[in-house]
Amino acid sequence: AWCIAALARGDLIQVQVESADGSMKP
Protein backbone atom coordinates (compact mmCIF):
# COMPACT_ATOMS: atom_id res chain seq x y z
CA ALA A 1 0.00 0.00 0.00
CA TRP A 2 2.88 2.37 0.76
CA CYS A 3 4.47 1.67 -2.65
CA ILE A 4 1.20 2.28 -4.49
CA ALA A 5 0.66 5.59 -2.68
CA ALA A 6 4.29 6.69 -3.20
CA LEU A 7 4.07 5.79 -6.88
CA ALA A 8 0.91 7.90 -7.25
CA ARG A 9 2.65 10.87 -5.57
CA GLY A 10 5.65 10.56 -7.84
CA ASP A 11 7.95 9.60 -4.95
CA LEU A 12 8.69 6.25 -6.60
CA ILE A 13 9.03 4.97 -10.14
CA GLN A 14 8.77 1.46 -11.52
CA VAL A 15 11.93 -0.03 -12.98
CA GLN A 16 12.98 -3.31 -14.55
CA VAL A 17 15.95 -4.95 -12.83
CA GLU A 18 18.11 -7.46 -14.66
CA SER A 19 18.74 -10.67 -12.73
CA ALA A 20 21.93 -12.71 -12.84
CA ASP A 21 20.30 -15.10 -15.32
CA GLY A 22 19.39 -12.25 -17.67
CA SER A 23 15.70 -12.18 -16.82
CA MET A 24 13.98 -8.94 -15.87
CA LYS A 25 11.98 -8.32 -12.71
CA PRO A 26 9.90 -5.23 -11.88
PDB file of all heavy atoms in Angstrom:
ATOM      1  N   ALA A   1       0.833  -1.205   0.000  1.00  0.00           N
ATOM      2  CA  ALA A   1       0.000   0.000   0.000  1.00  0.00           C
ATOM      3  C   ALA A   1       0.866   1.251   0.000  1.00  0.00           C
ATOM      4  O   ALA A   1       0.546   2.244  -0.679  1.00  0.00           O
ATOM      5  CB  ALA A   1      -0.927  -0.016   1.216  1.00  0.00           C
ATOM      6  N   TRP A   2       1.973   1.221   0.735  1.00  0.00           N
ATOM      7  CA  TRP A   2       2.884   2.371   0.758  1.00  0.00           C
ATOM      8  C   TRP A   2       3.480   2.609  -0.624  1.00  0.00           C
ATOM      9  O   TRP A   2       3.567   3.755  -1.086  1.00  0.00           O
ATOM     10  CB  TRP A   2       3.997   2.119   1.770  1.00  0.00           C
ATOM     11  CG  TRP A   2       4.966   3.257   1.886  1.00  0.00           C
ATOM     12  CD1 TRP A   2       4.858   4.358   2.687  1.00  0.00           C
ATOM     13  CD2 TRP A   2       6.200   3.415   1.159  1.00  0.00           C
ATOM     14  NE1 TRP A   2       5.937   5.194   2.502  1.00  0.00           N
ATOM     15  CE2 TRP A   2       6.772   4.640   1.575  1.00  0.00           C
ATOM     16  CE3 TRP A   2       6.862   2.649   0.208  1.00  0.00           C
ATOM     17  CZ2 TRP A   2       7.987   5.104   1.071  1.00  0.00           C
ATOM     18  CZ3 TRP A   2       8.066   3.106  -0.298  1.00  0.00           C
ATOM     19  CH2 TRP A   2       8.618   4.320   0.134  1.00  0.00           C
ATOM     20  N   CYS A   3       3.890   1.542  -1.307  1.00  0.00           N
ATOM     21  CA  CYS A   3       4.466   1.675  -2.652  1.00  0.00           C
ATOM     22  C   CYS A   3       3.456   2.251  -3.637  1.00  0.00           C
ATOM     23  O   CYS A   3       3.804   3.121  -4.458  1.00  0.00           O
ATOM     24  CB  CYS A   3       4.954   0.321  -3.150  1.00  0.00           C
ATOM     25  SG  CYS A   3       6.444  -0.286  -2.329  1.00  0.00           S
ATOM     26  N   ILE A   4       2.230   1.787  -3.572  1.00  0.00           N
ATOM     27  CA  ILE A   4       1.199   2.278  -4.491  1.00  0.00           C
ATOM     28  C   ILE A   4       0.962   3.770  -4.274  1.00  0.00           C
ATOM     29  O   ILE A   4       0.878   4.551  -5.229  1.00  0.00           O
ATOM     30  CB  ILE A   4      -0.106   1.471  -4.303  1.00  0.00           C
ATOM     31  CG1 ILE A   4       0.099   0.023  -4.786  1.00  0.00           C
ATOM     32  CG2 ILE A   4      -1.265   2.127  -5.036  1.00  0.00           C
ATOM     33  CD1 ILE A   4      -1.041  -0.908  -4.434  1.00  0.00           C
ATOM     34  N   ALA A   5       0.883   4.174  -2.994  1.00  0.00           N
ATOM     35  CA  ALA A   5       0.664   5.589  -2.683  1.00  0.00           C
ATOM     36  C   ALA A   5       1.865   6.439  -3.091  1.00  0.00           C
ATOM     37  O   ALA A   5       1.714   7.533  -3.646  1.00  0.00           O
ATOM     38  CB  ALA A   5       0.371   5.753  -1.189  1.00  0.00           C
ATOM     39  N   ALA A   6       3.083   5.942  -2.837  1.00  0.00           N
ATOM     40  CA  ALA A   6       4.295   6.693  -3.195  1.00  0.00           C
ATOM     41  C   ALA A   6       4.432   6.809  -4.707  1.00  0.00           C
ATOM     42  O   ALA A   6       4.883   7.840  -5.230  1.00  0.00           O
ATOM     43  CB  ALA A   6       5.524   6.020  -2.593  1.00  0.00           C
ATOM     44  N   LEU A   7       4.037   5.762  -5.416  1.00  0.00           N
ATOM     45  CA  LEU A   7       4.069   5.792  -6.883  1.00  0.00           C
ATOM     46  C   LEU A   7       3.106   6.840  -7.413  1.00  0.00           C
ATOM     47  O   LEU A   7       3.433   7.626  -8.325  1.00  0.00           O
ATOM     48  CB  LEU A   7       3.711   4.405  -7.427  1.00  0.00           C
ATOM     49  CG  LEU A   7       3.886   4.162  -8.923  1.00  0.00           C
ATOM     50  CD1 LEU A   7       5.363   4.221  -9.309  1.00  0.00           C
ATOM     51  CD2 LEU A   7       3.297   2.794  -9.301  1.00  0.00           C
ATOM     52  N   ALA A   8       1.923   6.919  -6.823  1.00  0.00           N
ATOM     53  CA  ALA A   8       0.915   7.902  -7.251  1.00  0.00           C
ATOM     54  C   ALA A   8       1.372   9.328  -6.979  1.00  0.00           C
ATOM     55  O   ALA A   8       1.052  10.252  -7.753  1.00  0.00           O
ATOM     56  CB  ALA A   8      -0.405   7.617  -6.532  1.00  0.00           C
ATOM     57  N   ARG A   9       2.136   9.535  -5.896  1.00  0.00           N
ATOM     58  CA  ARG A   9       2.646  10.872  -5.568  1.00  0.00           C
ATOM     59  C   ARG A   9       3.861  11.262  -6.399  1.00  0.00           C
ATOM     60  O   ARG A   9       4.299  12.410  -6.380  1.00  0.00           O
ATOM     61  CB  ARG A   9       3.058  10.930  -4.087  1.00  0.00           C
ATOM     62  CG  ARG A   9       1.933  10.831  -3.093  1.00  0.00           C
ATOM     63  CD  ARG A   9       2.420  11.214  -1.701  1.00  0.00           C
ATOM     64  NE  ARG A   9       3.572  10.426  -1.279  1.00  0.00           N
ATOM     65  CZ  ARG A   9       3.500   9.288  -0.586  1.00  0.00           C
ATOM     66  NH1 ARG A   9       2.302   8.798  -0.250  1.00  0.00           N
ATOM     67  NH2 ARG A   9       4.597   8.647  -0.239  1.00  0.00           N
ATOM     68  N   GLY A  10       4.428  10.300  -7.089  1.00  0.00           N
ATOM     69  CA  GLY A  10       5.651  10.562  -7.838  1.00  0.00           C
ATOM     70  C   GLY A  10       6.915  10.387  -7.015  1.00  0.00           C
ATOM     71  O   GLY A  10       8.011  10.740  -7.472  1.00  0.00           O
ATOM     72  N   ASP A  11       6.780   9.826  -5.803  1.00  0.00           N
ATOM     73  CA  ASP A  11       7.948   9.603  -4.951  1.00  0.00           C
ATOM     74  C   ASP A  11       8.703   8.339  -5.337  1.00  0.00           C
ATOM     75  O   ASP A  11       9.842   8.140  -4.907  1.00  0.00           O
ATOM     76  CB  ASP A  11       7.525   9.510  -3.483  1.00  0.00           C
ATOM     77  CG  ASP A  11       6.983  10.831  -2.957  1.00  0.00           C
ATOM     78  OD1 ASP A  11       7.296  11.868  -3.560  1.00  0.00           O
ATOM     79  OD2 ASP A  11       6.241  10.812  -1.950  1.00  0.00           O
ATOM     80  N   LEU A  12       8.062   7.460  -6.094  1.00  0.00           N
ATOM     81  CA  LEU A  12       8.691   6.247  -6.599  1.00  0.00           C
ATOM     82  C   LEU A  12       8.419   6.124  -8.099  1.00  0.00           C
ATOM     83  O   LEU A  12       7.457   6.695  -8.616  1.00  0.00           O
ATOM     84  CB  LEU A  12       8.149   4.993  -5.897  1.00  0.00           C
ATOM     85  CG  LEU A  12       8.439   4.778  -4.408  1.00  0.00           C
ATOM     86  CD1 LEU A  12       7.804   3.459  -3.948  1.00  0.00           C
ATOM     87  CD2 LEU A  12       9.923   4.778  -4.117  1.00  0.00           C
ATOM     88  N   ILE A  13       9.275   5.368  -8.759  1.00  0.00           N
ATOM     89  CA  ILE A  13       9.032   4.969 -10.144  1.00  0.00           C
ATOM     90  C   ILE A  13       9.120   3.458 -10.212  1.00  0.00           C
ATOM     91  O   ILE A  13       9.633   2.805  -9.290  1.00  0.00           O
ATOM     92  CB  ILE A  13      10.056   5.596 -11.113  1.00  0.00           C
ATOM     93  CG1 ILE A  13      11.492   5.194 -10.723  1.00  0.00           C
ATOM     94  CG2 ILE A  13       9.899   7.116 -11.157  1.00  0.00           C
ATOM     95  CD1 ILE A  13      12.549   5.631 -11.721  1.00  0.00           C
ATOM     96  N   GLN A  14       8.621   2.889 -11.284  1.00  0.00           N
ATOM     97  CA  GLN A  14       8.770   1.464 -11.519  1.00  0.00           C
ATOM     98  C   GLN A  14       9.941   1.247 -12.470  1.00  0.00           C
ATOM     99  O   GLN A  14      10.089   1.966 -13.475  1.00  0.00           O
ATOM    100  CB  GLN A  14       7.491   0.862 -12.080  1.00  0.00           C
ATOM    101  CG  GLN A  14       6.373   0.771 -11.044  1.00  0.00           C
ATOM    102  CD  GLN A  14       5.153   0.067 -11.575  1.00  0.00           C
ATOM    103  OE1 GLN A  14       4.571   0.487 -12.579  1.00  0.00           O
ATOM    104  NE2 GLN A  14       4.736  -0.994 -10.914  1.00  0.00           N
ATOM    105  N   VAL A  15      10.768   0.280 -12.154  1.00  0.00           N
ATOM    106  CA  VAL A  15      11.935  -0.033 -12.977  1.00  0.00           C
ATOM    107  C   VAL A  15      11.960  -1.531 -13.254  1.00  0.00           C
ATOM    108  O   VAL A  15      11.279  -2.314 -12.579  1.00  0.00           O
ATOM    109  CB  VAL A  15      13.245   0.395 -12.280  1.00  0.00           C
ATOM    110  CG1 VAL A  15      13.298   1.897 -12.104  1.00  0.00           C
ATOM    111  CG2 VAL A  15      13.408  -0.307 -10.925  1.00  0.00           C
ATOM    112  N   GLN A  16      12.736  -1.909 -14.248  1.00  0.00           N
ATOM    113  CA  GLN A  16      12.984  -3.312 -14.547  1.00  0.00           C
ATOM    114  C   GLN A  16      14.430  -3.614 -14.165  1.00  0.00           C
ATOM    115  O   GLN A  16      15.362  -2.936 -14.620  1.00  0.00           O
ATOM    116  CB  GLN A  16      12.758  -3.607 -16.030  1.00  0.00           C
ATOM    117  CG  GLN A  16      11.307  -3.458 -16.477  1.00  0.00           C
ATOM    118  CD  GLN A  16      10.425  -4.566 -15.930  1.00  0.00           C
ATOM    119  OE1 GLN A  16      10.836  -5.729 -15.835  1.00  0.00           O
ATOM    120  NE2 GLN A  16       9.191  -4.214 -15.571  1.00  0.00           N
ATOM    121  N   VAL A  17      14.623  -4.600 -13.330  1.00  0.00           N
ATOM    122  CA  VAL A  17      15.952  -4.947 -12.827  1.00  0.00           C
ATOM    123  C   VAL A  17      16.389  -6.270 -13.450  1.00  0.00           C
ATOM    124  O   VAL A  17      15.666  -7.266 -13.390  1.00  0.00           O
ATOM    125  CB  VAL A  17      15.954  -5.063 -11.291  1.00  0.00           C
ATOM    126  CG1 VAL A  17      17.339  -5.443 -10.779  1.00  0.00           C
ATOM    127  CG2 VAL A  17      15.500  -3.748 -10.660  1.00  0.00           C
ATOM    128  N   GLU A  18      17.582  -6.253 -14.034  1.00  0.00           N
ATOM    129  CA  GLU A  18      18.105  -7.465 -14.659  1.00  0.00           C
ATOM    130  C   GLU A  18      18.669  -8.404 -13.601  1.00  0.00           C
ATOM    131  O   GLU A  18      19.479  -8.007 -12.763  1.00  0.00           O
ATOM    132  CB  GLU A  18      19.194  -7.129 -15.674  1.00  0.00           C
ATOM    133  CG  GLU A  18      19.677  -8.343 -16.451  1.00  0.00           C
ATOM    134  CD  GLU A  18      20.669  -8.006 -17.547  1.00  0.00           C
ATOM    135  OE1 GLU A  18      21.019  -6.806 -17.664  1.00  0.00           O
ATOM    136  OE2 GLU A  18      21.093  -8.926 -18.273  1.00  0.00           O
ATOM    137  N   SER A  19      18.250  -9.647 -13.662  1.00  0.00           N
ATOM    138  CA  SER A  19      18.741 -10.665 -12.733  1.00  0.00           C
ATOM    139  C   SER A  19      20.028 -11.282 -13.266  1.00  0.00           C
ATOM    140  O   SER A  19      20.419 -11.071 -14.421  1.00  0.00           O
ATOM    141  CB  SER A  19      17.683 -11.761 -12.548  1.00  0.00           C
ATOM    142  OG  SER A  19      16.477 -11.209 -12.061  1.00  0.00           O
ATOM    143  N   ALA A  20      20.680 -12.075 -12.439  1.00  0.00           N
ATOM    144  CA  ALA A  20      21.935 -12.709 -12.838  1.00  0.00           C
ATOM    145  C   ALA A  20      21.752 -13.633 -14.037  1.00  0.00           C
ATOM    146  O   ALA A  20      22.682 -13.812 -14.829  1.00  0.00           O
ATOM    147  CB  ALA A  20      22.518 -13.489 -11.659  1.00  0.00           C
ATOM    148  N   ASP A  21      20.557 -14.193 -14.189  1.00  0.00           N
ATOM    149  CA  ASP A  21      20.304 -15.098 -15.319  1.00  0.00           C
ATOM    150  C   ASP A  21      19.821 -14.371 -16.569  1.00  0.00           C
ATOM    151  O   ASP A  21      19.455 -14.999 -17.565  1.00  0.00           O
ATOM    152  CB  ASP A  21      19.297 -16.180 -14.917  1.00  0.00           C
ATOM    153  CG  ASP A  21      17.924 -15.612 -14.552  1.00  0.00           C
ATOM    154  OD1 ASP A  21      17.711 -14.380 -14.680  1.00  0.00           O
ATOM    155  OD2 ASP A  21      17.056 -16.396 -14.119  1.00  0.00           O
ATOM    156  N   GLY A  22      19.804 -13.034 -16.513  1.00  0.00           N
ATOM    157  CA  GLY A  22      19.392 -12.249 -17.673  1.00  0.00           C
ATOM    158  C   GLY A  22      17.923 -11.899 -17.716  1.00  0.00           C
ATOM    159  O   GLY A  22      17.509 -11.070 -18.544  1.00  0.00           O
ATOM    160  N   SER A  23      17.119 -12.499 -16.848  1.00  0.00           N
ATOM    161  CA  SER A  23      15.698 -12.184 -16.818  1.00  0.00           C
ATOM    162  C   SER A  23      15.473 -10.833 -16.158  1.00  0.00           C
ATOM    163  O   SER A  23      16.329 -10.326 -15.436  1.00  0.00           O
ATOM    164  CB  SER A  23      14.925 -13.275 -16.069  1.00  0.00           C
ATOM    165  OG  SER A  23      15.338 -13.329 -14.711  1.00  0.00           O
ATOM    166  N   MET A  24      14.310 -10.245 -16.417  1.00  0.00           N
ATOM    167  CA  MET A  24      13.981  -8.938 -15.874  1.00  0.00           C
ATOM    168  C   MET A  24      12.883  -9.077 -14.829  1.00  0.00           C
ATOM    169  O   MET A  24      11.952  -9.877 -14.999  1.00  0.00           O
ATOM    170  CB  MET A  24      13.529  -7.995 -16.986  1.00  0.00           C
ATOM    171  CG  MET A  24      14.515  -7.856 -18.135  1.00  0.00           C
ATOM    172  SD  MET A  24      16.125  -7.182 -17.630  1.00  0.00           S
ATOM    173  CE  MET A  24      15.675  -5.461 -17.364  1.00  0.00           C
ATOM    174  N   LYS A  25      12.985  -8.283 -13.770  1.00  0.00           N
ATOM    175  CA  LYS A  25      11.979  -8.318 -12.712  1.00  0.00           C
ATOM    176  C   LYS A  25      11.605  -6.881 -12.345  1.00  0.00           C
ATOM    177  O   LYS A  25      12.481  -6.041 -12.151  1.00  0.00           O
ATOM    178  CB  LYS A  25      12.514  -9.044 -11.480  1.00  0.00           C
ATOM    179  CG  LYS A  25      11.481  -9.199 -10.359  1.00  0.00           C
ATOM    180  CD  LYS A  25      12.049  -9.986  -9.196  1.00  0.00           C
ATOM    181  CE  LYS A  25      11.046 -10.093  -8.046  1.00  0.00           C
ATOM    182  NZ  LYS A  25       9.877 -10.897  -8.400  1.00  0.00           N
ATOM    183  N   PRO A  26      10.308  -6.592 -12.237  1.00  0.00           N
ATOM    184  CA  PRO A  26       9.900  -5.232 -11.876  1.00  0.00           C
ATOM    185  C   PRO A  26      10.201  -4.923 -10.414  1.00  0.00           C
ATOM    186  O   PRO A  26      10.180  -5.807  -9.552  1.00  0.00           O
ATOM    187  CB  PRO A  26       8.394  -5.242 -12.144  1.00  0.00           C
ATOM    188  CG  PRO A  26       7.981  -6.676 -12.008  1.00  0.00           C
ATOM    189  CD  PRO A  26       9.151  -7.480 -12.489  1.00  0.00           C
TER     190      PRO A  26
END
